[in-house]
Amino acid sequence: MNQLQFDASIAERDVVRYTPAGIPIVAARLQHQSEQMEAGIKRLVELDIAAVAAGEISGRFNQAALGSQFRFSGFLAKKNRNSKSLVFHIVDFEPVV
């Protein structure tokens, strides 16, 4: 199963673009920071990940405030067929309160 959920802020967001099939897509960079337990030791985890929101979710994502914290749900996939880079595909998100 390929599912990922984490809290992050929207660090950067591109303008909406459209696929040849007319599907809206918004590319972005998400930033995450948390403390995690690993081998019984607290570890500071920081990451910056490329993300995309496609279809209906792209409109809501495009309106979300930059810098605000959200809980994102989605999956990981290659950037393109020949790439080794991963992109997080946003399926849903909600504000973290």
PDB file of N, CA and C in Angstrom:
ATOM      1  N   MET A   1       0.839  -1.176   0.000  1.00  0.00           N
ATOM      2  CA  MET A   1       0.000   0.000   0.000  1.00  0.00           C
ATOM      3  C   MET A   1       0.887   1.243   0.000  1.00  0.00           C
ATOM      4  N   ASN A   2       0.519   2.249  -0.732  1.00  0.00           N
ATOM      5  CA  ASN A   2       1.276   3.486  -0.856  1.00  0.00           C
ATOM      6  C   ASN A   2       0.405   4.629  -0.337  1.00  0.00           C
ATOM      7  N   GLN A   3       0.444   4.861   0.966  1.00  0.00           N
ATOM      8  CA  GLN A   3      -0.290   5.960   1.583  1.00  0.00           C
ATOM      9  C   GLN A   3       0.638   6.696   2.514  1.00  0.00           C
ATOM     10  N   LEU A   4       0.515   8.016   2.525  1.00  0.00           N
ATOM     11  CA  LEU A   4       1.363   8.836   3.385  1.00  0.00           C
ATOM     12  C   LEU A   4       0.502   9.939   3.973  1.00  0.00           C
ATOM     13  N   GLN A   5       0.664  10.170   5.277  1.00  0.00           N
ATOM     14  CA  GLN A   5      -0.030  11.263   5.952  1.00  0.00           C
ATOM     15  C   GLN A   5       0.966  11.948   6.873  1.00  0.00           C
ATOM     16  N   PHE A   6       1.052  13.260   6.784  1.00  0.00           N
ATOM     17  CA  PHE A   6       1.945  14.026   7.654  1.00  0.00           C
ATOM     18  C   PHE A   6       1.494  15.473   7.712  1.00  0.00           C
ATOM     19  N   ASP A   7       1.964  16.169   8.755  1.00  0.00           N
ATOM     20  CA  ASP A   7       1.680  17.588   8.922  1.00  0.00           C
ATOM     21  C   ASP A   7       2.808  18.386   8.290  1.00  0.00           C
ATOM     22  N   ALA A   8       2.446  19.436   7.578  1.00  0.00           N
ATOM     23  CA  ALA A   8       3.449  20.265   6.911  1.00  0.00           C
ATOM     24  C   ALA A   8       2.850  21.632   6.606  1.00  0.00           C
ATOM     25  N   SER A   9       3.723  22.562   6.277  1.00  0.00           N
ATOM     26  CA  SER A   9       3.271  23.876   5.821  1.00  0.00           C
ATOM     27  C   SER A   9       3.579  23.996   4.333  1.00  0.00           C
ATOM     28  N   ILE A  10       2.828  24.848   3.669  1.00  0.00           N
ATOM     29  CA  ILE A  10       3.052  25.095   2.240  1.00  0.00           C
ATOM     30  C   ILE A  10       4.116  26.179   2.145  1.00  0.00           C
ATOM     31  N   ALA A  11       5.313  25.791   1.702  1.00  0.00           N
ATOM     32  CA  ALA A  11       6.432  26.730   1.619  1.00  0.00           C
ATOM     33  C   ALA A  11       6.400  27.529   0.322  1.00  0.00           C
ATOM     34  N   GLU A  12       6.079  26.862  -0.779  1.00  0.00           N
ATOM     35  CA  GLU A  12       6.018  27.497  -2.108  1.00  0.00           C
ATOM     36  C   GLU A  12       4.875  26.861  -2.881  1.00  0.00           C
ATOM     37  N   ARG A  13       4.286  27.640  -3.783  1.00  0.00           N
ATOM     38  CA  ARG A  13       3.217  27.099  -4.614  1.00  0.00           C
ATOM     39  C   ARG A  13       3.254  27.774  -5.975  1.00  0.00           C
ATOM     40  N   ASP A  14       3.207  26.978  -7.034  1.00  0.00           N
ATOM     41  CA  ASP A  14       3.171  27.499  -8.398  1.00  0.00           C
ATOM     42  C   ASP A  14       1.736  27.885  -8.770  1.00  0.00           C
ATOM     43  N   VAL A  15       1.589  28.556  -9.897  1.00  0.00           N
ATOM     44  CA  VAL A  15       0.257  28.883 -10.402  1.00  0.00           C
ATOM     45  C   VAL A  15      -0.380  27.623 -10.983  1.00  0.00           C
ATOM     46  N   VAL A  16      -1.689  27.625 -11.061  1.00  0.00           N
ATOM     47  CA  VAL A  16      -2.419  26.482 -11.625  1.00  0.00           C
ATOM     48  C   VAL A  16      -2.051  26.324 -13.088  1.00  0.00           C
ATOM     49  N   ARG A  17      -1.766  25.091 -13.484  1.00  0.00           N
ATOM     50  CA  ARG A  17      -1.560  24.777 -14.900  1.00  0.00           C
ATOM     51  C   ARG A  17      -2.536  23.657 -15.256  1.00  0.00           C
ATOM     52  N   TYR A  18      -2.646  23.362 -16.533  1.00  0.00           N
ATOM     53  CA  TYR A  18      -3.607  22.354 -16.981  1.00  0.00           C
ATOM     54  C   TYR A  18      -2.915  21.308 -17.837  1.00  0.00           C
ATOM     55  N   THR A  19      -3.283  20.046 -17.636  1.00  0.00           N
ATOM     56  CA  THR A  19      -2.749  18.964 -18.456  1.00  0.00           C
ATOM     57  C   THR A  19      -3.386  19.056 -19.839  1.00  0.00           C
ATOM     58  N   PRO A  20      -2.858  18.333 -20.825  1.00  0.00           N
ATOM     59  CA  PRO A  20      -3.495  18.325 -22.142  1.00  0.00           C
ATOM     60  C   PRO A  20      -4.955  17.858 -22.090  1.00  0.00           C
ATOM     61  N   ALA A  21      -5.297  17.074 -21.068  1.00  0.00           N
ATOM     62  CA  ALA A  21      -6.682  16.607 -20.902  1.00  0.00           C
ATOM     63  C   ALA A  21      -7.549  17.635 -20.166  1.00  0.00           C
ATOM     64  N   GLY A  22      -6.952  18.771 -19.775  1.00  0.00           N
ATOM     65  CA  GLY A  22      -7.699  19.831 -19.114  1.00  0.00           C
ATOM     66  C   GLY A  22      -7.807  19.693 -17.602  1.00  0.00           C
ATOM     67  N   ILE A  23      -7.009  18.836 -17.006  1.00  0.00           N
ATOM     68  CA  ILE A  23      -7.044  18.646 -15.558  1.00  0.00           C
ATOM     69  C   ILE A  23      -6.151  19.692 -14.892  1.00  0.00           C
ATOM     70  N   PRO A  24      -6.699  20.459 -13.916  1.00  0.00           N
ATOM     71  CA  PRO A  24      -5.884  21.465 -13.234  1.00  0.00           C
ATOM     72  C   PRO A  24      -4.885  20.808 -12.280  1.00  0.00           C
ATOM     73  N   ILE A  25      -3.660  21.354 -12.249  1.00  0.00           N
ATOM     74  CA  ILE A  25      -2.597  20.841 -11.378  1.00  0.00           C
ATOM     75  C   ILE A  25      -1.873  22.030 -10.744  1.00  0.00           C
ATOM     76  N   VAL A  26      -1.598  21.898  -9.445  1.00  0.00           N
ATOM     77  CA  VAL A  26      -0.812  22.899  -8.730  1.00  0.00           C
ATOM     78  C   VAL A  26       0.386  22.194  -8.119  1.00  0.00           C
ATOM     79  N   ALA A  27       1.586  22.637  -8.463  1.00  0.00           N
ATOM     80  CA  ALA A  27       2.817  22.088  -7.887  1.00  0.00           C
ATOM     81  C   ALA A  27       3.215  22.955  -6.696  1.00  0.00           C
ATOM     82  N   ALA A  28       3.864  22.326  -5.700  1.00  0.00           N
ATOM     83  CA  ALA A  28       4.242  23.057  -4.494  1.00  0.00           C
ATOM     84  C   ALA A  28       5.417  22.375  -3.808  1.00  0.00           C
ATOM     85  N   ARG A  29       5.944  23.049  -2.776  1.00  0.00           N
ATOM     86  CA  ARG A  29       6.944  22.464  -1.877  1.00  0.00           C
ATOM     87  C   ARG A  29       6.356  22.531  -0.480  1.00  0.00           C
ATOM     88  N   LEU A  30       6.380  21.399   0.205  1.00  0.00           N
ATOM     89  CA  LEU A  30       5.884  21.321   1.573  1.00  0.00           C
ATOM     90  C   LEU A  30       7.060  21.177   2.516  1.00  0.00           C
ATOM     91  N   GLN A  31       6.955  21.785   3.703  1.00  0.00           N
ATOM     92  CA  GLN A  31       8.005  21.676   4.717  1.00  0.00           C
ATOM     93  C   GLN A  31       7.420  21.057   5.979  1.00  0.00           C
ATOM     94  N   HIS A  32       8.158  20.101   6.526  1.00  0.00           N
ATOM     95  CA  HIS A  32       7.738  19.386   7.729  1.00  0.00           C
ATOM     96  C   HIS A  32       8.861  19.439   8.764  1.00  0.00           C
ATOM     97  N   GLN A  33       8.473  19.555  10.031  1.00  0.00           N
ATOM     98  CA  GLN A  33       9.427  19.488  11.134  1.00  0.00           C
ATOM     99  C   GLN A  33       8.719  18.838  12.317  1.00  0.00           C
ATOM    100  N   SER A  34       9.359  17.817  12.908  1.00  0.00           N
ATOM    101  CA  SER A  34       8.788  17.147  14.074  1.00  0.00           C
ATOM    102  C   SER A  34       9.880  16.417  14.836  1.00  0.00           C
ATOM    103  N   GLU A  35       9.519  15.946  16.028  1.00  0.00           N
ATOM    104  CA  GLU A  35      10.390  15.089  16.812  1.00  0.00           C
ATOM    105  C   GLU A  35       9.836  13.673  16.725  1.00  0.00           C
ATOM    106  N   GLN A  36      10.677  12.713  16.387  1.00  0.00           N
ATOM    107  CA  GLN A  36      10.273  11.319  16.254  1.00  0.00           C
ATOM    108  C   GLN A  36      11.165  10.456  17.138  1.00  0.00           C
ATOM    109  N   MET A  37      10.608   9.362  17.595  1.00  0.00           N
ATOM    110  CA  MET A  37      11.396   8.391  18.367  1.00  0.00           C
ATOM    111  C   MET A  37      11.969   7.362  17.405  1.00  0.00           C
ATOM    112  N   GLU A  38      13.273   7.140  17.500  1.00  0.00           N
ATOM    113  CA  GLU A  38      13.942   6.133  16.680  1.00  0.00           C
ATOM    114  C   GLU A  38      14.965   5.426  17.558  1.00  0.00           C
ATOM    115  N   ALA A  39      14.815   4.117  17.684  1.00  0.00           N
ATOM    116  CA  ALA A  39      15.716   3.307  18.514  1.00  0.00           C
ATOM    117  C   ALA A  39      15.778   3.844  19.949  1.00  0.00           C
ATOM    118  N   GLY A  40      14.617   4.324  20.438  1.00  0.00           N
ATOM    119  CA  GLY A  40      14.541   4.813  21.802  1.00  0.00           C
ATOM    120  C   GLY A  40      15.108   6.200  22.022  1.00  0.00           C
ATOM    121  N   ILE A  41      15.473   6.896  20.958  1.00  0.00           N
ATOM    122  CA  ILE A  41      16.070   8.229  21.055  1.00  0.00           C
ATOM    123  C   ILE A  41      15.221   9.220  20.264  1.00  0.00           C
ATOM    124  N   LYS A  42      15.008  10.409  20.859  1.00  0.00           N
ATOM    125  CA  LYS A  42      14.290  11.458  20.135  1.00  0.00           C
ATOM    126  C   LYS A  42      15.162  11.989  19.013  1.00  0.00           C
ATOM    127  N   ARG A  43      14.540  12.173  17.853  1.00  0.00           N
ATOM    128  CA  ARG A  43      15.267  12.657  16.679  1.00  0.00           C
ATOM    129  C   ARG A  43      14.478  13.793  16.045  1.00  0.00           C
ATOM    130  N   LEU A  44      15.151  14.893  15.747  1.00  0.00           N
ATOM    131  CA  LEU A  44      14.511  16.004  15.050  1.00  0.00           C
ATOM    132  C   LEU A  44      14.478  15.663  13.565  1.00  0.00           C
ATOM    133  N   VAL A  45      13.278  15.690  13.002  1.00  0.00           N
ATOM    134  CA  VAL A  45      13.099  15.364  11.583  1.00  0.00           C
ATOM    135  C   VAL A  45      12.650  16.625  10.856  1.00  0.00           C
ATOM    136  N   GLU A  46      13.387  16.996   9.821  1.00  0.00           N
ATOM    137  CA  GLU A  46      13.028  18.127   8.974  1.00  0.00           C
ATOM    138  C   GLU A  46      13.089  17.659   7.533  1.00  0.00           C
ATOM    139  N   LEU A  47      12.067  18.013   6.759  1.00  0.00           N
ATOM    140  CA  LEU A  47      12.101  17.639   5.346  1.00  0.00           C
ATOM    141  C   LEU A  47      11.361  18.657   4.504  1.00  0.00           C
ATOM    142  N   ASP A  48      11.751  18.687   3.270  1.00  0.00           N
ATOM    143  CA  ASP A  48      11.166  19.547   2.251  1.00  0.00           C
ATOM    144  C   ASP A  48      10.824  18.611   1.101  1.00  0.00           C
ATOM    145  N   ILE A  49       9.567  18.574   0.677  1.00  0.00           N
ATOM    146  CA  ILE A  49       9.160  17.607  -0.340  1.00  0.00           C
ATOM    147  C   ILE A  49       8.350  18.278  -1.443  1.00  0.00           C
ATOM    148  N   ALA A  50       8.606  17.854  -2.681  1.00  0.00           N
ATOM    149  CA  ALA A  50       7.821  18.326  -3.822  1.00  0.00           C
ATOM    150  C   ALA A  50       6.445  17.683  -3.746  1.00  0.00           C
ATOM    151  N   ALA A  51       5.419  18.462  -4.068  1.00  0.00           N
ATOM    152  CA  ALA A  51       4.045  17.953  -4.003  1.00  0.00           C
ATOM    153  C   ALA A  51       3.238  18.490  -5.173  1.00  0.00           C
ATOM    154  N   VAL A  52       2.181  17.760  -5.514  1.00  0.00           N
ATOM    155  CA  VAL A  52       1.228  18.220  -6.523  1.00  0.00           C
ATOM    156  C   VAL A  52      -0.188  17.928  -6.050  1.00  0.00           C
ATOM    157  N   ALA A  53      -1.093  18.816  -6.412  1.00  0.00           N
ATOM    158  CA  ALA A  53      -2.521  18.622  -6.170  1.00  0.00           C
ATOM    159  C   ALA A  53      -3.191  18.679  -7.537  1.00  0.00           C
ATOM    160  N   ALA A  54      -3.890  17.613  -7.896  1.00  0.00           N
ATOM    161  CA  ALA A  54      -4.503  17.533  -9.225  1.00  0.00           C
ATOM    162  C   ALA A  54      -6.008  17.345  -9.115  1.00  0.00           C
ATOM    163  N   GLY A  55      -6.715  17.856 -10.093  1.00  0.00           N
ATOM    164  CA  GLY A  55      -8.162  17.683 -10.140  1.00  0.00           C
ATOM    165  C   GLY A  55      -8.877  18.629  -9.193  1.00  0.00           C
ATOM    166  N   GLU A  56      -9.980  18.146  -8.606  1.00  0.00           N
ATOM    167  CA  GLU A  56     -10.818  18.986  -7.745  1.00  0.00           C
ATOM    168  C   GLU A  56     -10.065  19.572  -6.555  1.00  0.00           C
ATOM    169  N   ILE A  57      -9.165  18.819  -5.962  1.00  0.00           N
ATOM    170  CA  ILE A  57      -8.442  19.275  -4.769  1.00  0.00           C
ATOM    171  C   ILE A  57      -7.518  20.463  -5.084  1.00  0.00           C
ATOM    172  N   SER A  58      -7.138  20.630  -6.346  1.00  0.00           N
ATOM    173  CA  SER A  58      -6.197  21.697  -6.711  1.00  0.00           C
ATOM    174  C   SER A  58      -6.763  23.091  -6.438  1.00  0.00           C
ATOM    175  N   GLY A  59      -8.063  23.272  -6.611  1.00  0.00           N
ATOM    176  CA  GLY A  59      -8.682  24.584  -6.360  1.00  0.00           C
ATOM    177  C   GLY A  59      -8.600  24.967  -4.895  1.00  0.00           C
ATOM    178  N   ARG A  60      -8.939  24.021  -4.025  1.00  0.00           N
ATOM    179  CA  ARG A  60      -8.875  24.264  -2.582  1.00  0.00           C
ATOM    180  C   ARG A  60      -7.429  24.456  -2.133  1.00  0.00           C
ATOM    181  N   PHE A  61      -6.525  23.641  -2.678  1.00  0.00           N
ATOM    182  CA  PHE A  61      -5.107  23.753  -2.335  1.00  0.00           C
ATOM    183  C   PHE A  61      -4.550  25.100  -2.782  1.00  0.00           C
ATOM    184  N   ASN A  62      -4.964  25.574  -3.937  1.00  0.00           N
ATOM    185  CA  ASN A  62      -4.488  26.853  -4.468  1.00  0.00           C
ATOM    186  C   ASN A  62      -4.911  28.024  -3.581  1.00  0.00           C
ATOM    187  N   GLN A  63      -6.019  27.871  -2.848  1.00  0.00           N
ATOM    188  CA  GLN A  63      -6.519  28.931  -1.973  1.00  0.00           C
ATOM    189  C   GLN A  63      -5.957  28.846  -0.550  1.00  0.00           C
ATOM    190  N   ALA A  64      -5.290  27.740  -0.191  1.00  0.00           N
ATOM    191  CA  ALA A  64      -4.756  27.551   1.159  1.00  0.00           C
ATOM    192  C   ALA A  64      -3.636  28.550   1.431  1.00  0.00           C
ATOM    193  N   ALA A  65      -3.581  29.033   2.649  1.00  0.00           N
ATOM    194  CA  ALA A  65      -2.601  30.058   3.027  1.00  0.00           C
ATOM    195  C   ALA A  65      -1.184  29.489   3.077  1.00  0.00           C
ATOM    196  N   LEU A  66      -0.268  30.183   2.414  1.00  0.00           N
ATOM    197  CA  LEU A  66       1.145  29.813   2.491  1.00  0.00           C
ATOM    198  C   LEU A  66       1.620  29.943   3.938  1.00  0.00           C
ATOM    199  N   GLY A  67       2.435  28.991   4.377  1.00  0.00           N
ATOM    200  CA  GLY A  67       2.984  29.029   5.725  1.00  0.00           C
ATOM    201  C   GLY A  67       2.099  28.414   6.784  1.00  0.00           C
ATOM    202  N   SER A  68       0.833  28.164   6.478  1.00  0.00           N
ATOM    203  CA  SER A  68      -0.071  27.551   7.455  1.00  0.00           C
ATOM    204  C   SER A  68       0.157  26.048   7.526  1.00  0.00           C
ATOM    205  N   GLN A  69      -0.142  25.469   8.704  1.00  0.00           N
ATOM    206  CA  GLN A  69       0.040  24.034   8.926  1.00  0.00           C
ATOM    207  C   GLN A  69      -1.206  23.261   8.495  1.00  0.00           C
ATOM    208  N   PHE A  70      -0.983  22.182   7.765  1.00  0.00           N
ATOM    209  CA  PHE A  70      -2.064  21.318   7.319  1.00  0.00           C
ATOM    210  C   PHE A  70      -1.665  19.862   7.526  1.00  0.00           C
ATOM    211  N   ARG A  71      -2.655  18.986   7.642  1.00  0.00           N
ATOM    212  CA  ARG A  71      -2.412  17.546   7.656  1.00  0.00           C
ATOM    213  C   ARG A  71      -2.733  17.051   6.247  1.00  0.00           C
ATOM    214  N   PHE A  72      -1.707  16.578   5.548  1.00  0.00           N
ATOM    215  CA  PHE A  72      -1.835  16.134   4.167  1.00  0.00           C
ATOM    216  C   PHE A  72      -1.939  14.616   4.101  1.00  0.00           C
ATOM    217  N   SER A  73      -2.780  14.135   3.203  1.00  0.00           N
ATOM    218  CA  SER A  73      -2.902  12.708   2.906  1.00  0.00           C
ATOM    219  C   SER A  73      -2.676  12.532   1.419  1.00  0.00           C
ATOM    220  N   GLY A  74      -1.989  11.451   1.056  1.00  0.00           N
ATOM    221  CA  GLY A  74      -1.754  11.198  -0.356  1.00  0.00           C
ATOM    222  C   GLY A  74      -0.847  10.006  -0.565  1.00  0.00           C
ATOM    223  N   PHE A  75      -0.112  10.035  -1.663  1.00  0.00           N
ATOM    224  CA  PHE A  75       0.772   8.927  -2.019  1.00  0.00           C
ATOM    225  C   PHE A  75       2.012   9.466  -2.716  1.00  0.00           C
ATOM    226  N   LEU A  76       3.041   8.627  -2.785  1.00  0.00           N
ATOM    227  CA  LEU A  76       4.288   8.984  -3.461  1.00  0.00           C
ATOM    228  C   LEU A  76       4.357   8.324  -4.829  1.00  0.00           C
ATOM    229  N   ALA A  77       4.910   9.050  -5.795  1.00  0.00           N
ATOM    230  CA  ALA A  77       5.113   8.509  -7.142  1.00  0.00           C
ATOM    231  C   ALA A  77       6.345   9.176  -7.748  1.00  0.00           C
ATOM    232  N   LYS A  78       6.907   8.548  -8.771  1.00  0.00           N
ATOM    233  CA  LYS A  78       8.037   9.144  -9.486  1.00  0.00           C
ATOM    234  C   LYS A  78       7.595  10.444 -10.130  1.00  0.00           C
ATOM    235  N   LYS A  79       8.537  11.376 -10.240  1.00  0.00           N
ATOM    236  CA  LYS A  79       8.242  12.661 -10.877  1.00  0.00           C
ATOM    237  C   LYS A  79       7.788  12.446 -12.319  1.00  0.00           C
ATOM    238  N   ASN A  80       8.458  11.552 -13.012  1.00  0.00           N
ATOM    239  CA  ASN A  80       8.039  11.130 -14.351  1.00  0.00           C
ATOM    240  C   ASN A  80       8.574   9.713 -14.579  1.00  0.00           C
ATOM    241  N   ARG A  81       8.272   9.138 -15.669  1.00  0.00           N
ATOM    242  CA  ARG A  81       8.592   7.739 -15.924  1.00  0.00           C
ATOM    243  C   ARG A  81      10.074   7.406 -15.769  1.00  0.00           C
ATOM    244  N   ASN A  82      10.961   8.299 -16.194  1.00  0.00           N
ATOM    245  CA  ASN A  82      12.400   8.026 -16.170  1.00  0.00           C
ATOM    246  C   ASN A  82      13.128   8.613 -14.962  1.00  0.00           C
ATOM    247  N   SER A  83      12.396   9.216 -14.050  1.00  0.00           N
ATOM    248  CA  SER A  83      13.005   9.897 -12.911  1.00  0.00           C
ATOM    249  C   SER A  83      13.161   8.976 -11.708  1.00  0.00           C
ATOM    250  N   LYS A  84      14.144   9.298 -10.870  1.00  0.00           N
ATOM    251  CA  LYS A  84      14.297   8.616  -9.589  1.00  0.00           C
ATOM    252  C   LYS A  84      13.747   9.485  -8.461  1.00  0.00           C
ATOM    253  N   SER A  85      13.411  10.739  -8.768  1.00  0.00           N
ATOM    254  CA  SER A  85      12.866  11.667  -7.775  1.00  0.00           C
ATOM    255  C   SER A  85      11.408  11.339  -7.487  1.00  0.00           C
ATOM    256  N   LEU A  86      11.017  11.529  -6.215  1.00  0.00           N
ATOM    257  CA  LEU A  86       9.640  11.270  -5.814  1.00  0.00           C
ATOM    258  C   LEU A  86       8.874  12.573  -5.639  1.00  0.00           C
ATOM    259  N   VAL A  87       7.567  12.495  -5.871  1.00  0.00           N
ATOM    260  CA  VAL A  87       6.661  13.620  -5.671  1.00  0.00           C
ATOM    261  C   VAL A  87       5.489  13.112  -4.831  1.00  0.00           C
ATOM    262  N   PHE A  88       5.085  13.908  -3.849  1.00  0.00           N
ATOM    263  CA  PHE A  88       3.940  13.596  -3.020  1.00  0.00           C
ATOM    264  C   PHE A  88       2.685  14.092  -3.724  1.00  0.00           C
ATOM    265  N   HIS A  89       1.742  13.200  -4.003  1.00  0.00           N
ATOM    266  CA  HIS A  89       0.481  13.555  -4.649  1.00  0.00           C
ATOM    267  C   HIS A  89      -0.576  13.745  -3.572  1.00  0.00           C
ATOM    268  N   ILE A  90      -1.061  14.967  -3.435  1.00  0.00           N
ATOM    269  CA  ILE A  90      -2.030  15.307  -2.392  1.00  0.00           C
ATOM    270  C   ILE A  90      -3.416  14.830  -2.807  1.00  0.00           C
ATOM    271  N   VAL A  91      -4.013  14.026  -1.941  1.00  0.00           N
ATOM    272  CA  VAL A  91      -5.371  13.529  -2.166  1.00  0.00           C
ATOM    273  C   VAL A  91      -6.368  14.322  -1.324  1.00  0.00           C
ATOM    274  N   ASP A  92      -5.931  14.727  -0.118  1.00  0.00           N
ATOM    275  CA  ASP A  92      -6.776  15.515   0.766  1.00  0.00           C
ATOM    276  C   ASP A  92      -5.895  16.253   1.762  1.00  0.00           C
ATOM    277  N   PHE A  93      -6.428  17.301   2.379  1.00  0.00           N
ATOM    278  CA  PHE A  93      -5.715  18.017   3.432  1.00  0.00           C
ATOM    279  C   PHE A  93      -6.708  18.772   4.277  1.00  0.00           C
ATOM    280  N   GLU A  94      -6.305  19.035   5.524  1.00  0.00           N
ATOM    281  CA  GLU A  94      -7.140  19.796   6.448  1.00  0.00           C
ATOM    282  C   GLU A  94      -6.234  20.614   7.358  1.00  0.00           C
ATOM    283  N   PRO A  95      -6.734  21.732   7.875  1.00  0.00           N
ATOM    284  CA  PRO A  95      -5.918  22.554   8.773  1.00  0.00           C
ATOM    285  C   PRO A  95      -5.582  21.788  10.054  1.00  0.00           C
ATOM    286  N   VAL A  96      -4.401  22.041  10.601  1.00  0.00           N
ATOM    287  CA  VAL A  96      -4.008  21.469  11.880  1.00  0.00           C
ATOM    288  C   VAL A  96      -4.344  22.501  12.953  1.00  0.00           C
ATOM    289  N   VAL A  97      -5.137  22.082  13.919  1.00  0.00           N
ATOM    290  CA  VAL A  97      -5.528  22.995  14.994  1.00  0.00           C
ATOM    291  C   VAL A  97      -4.858  22.658  16.297  1.00  0.00           C
TER     292      VAL A  97
END
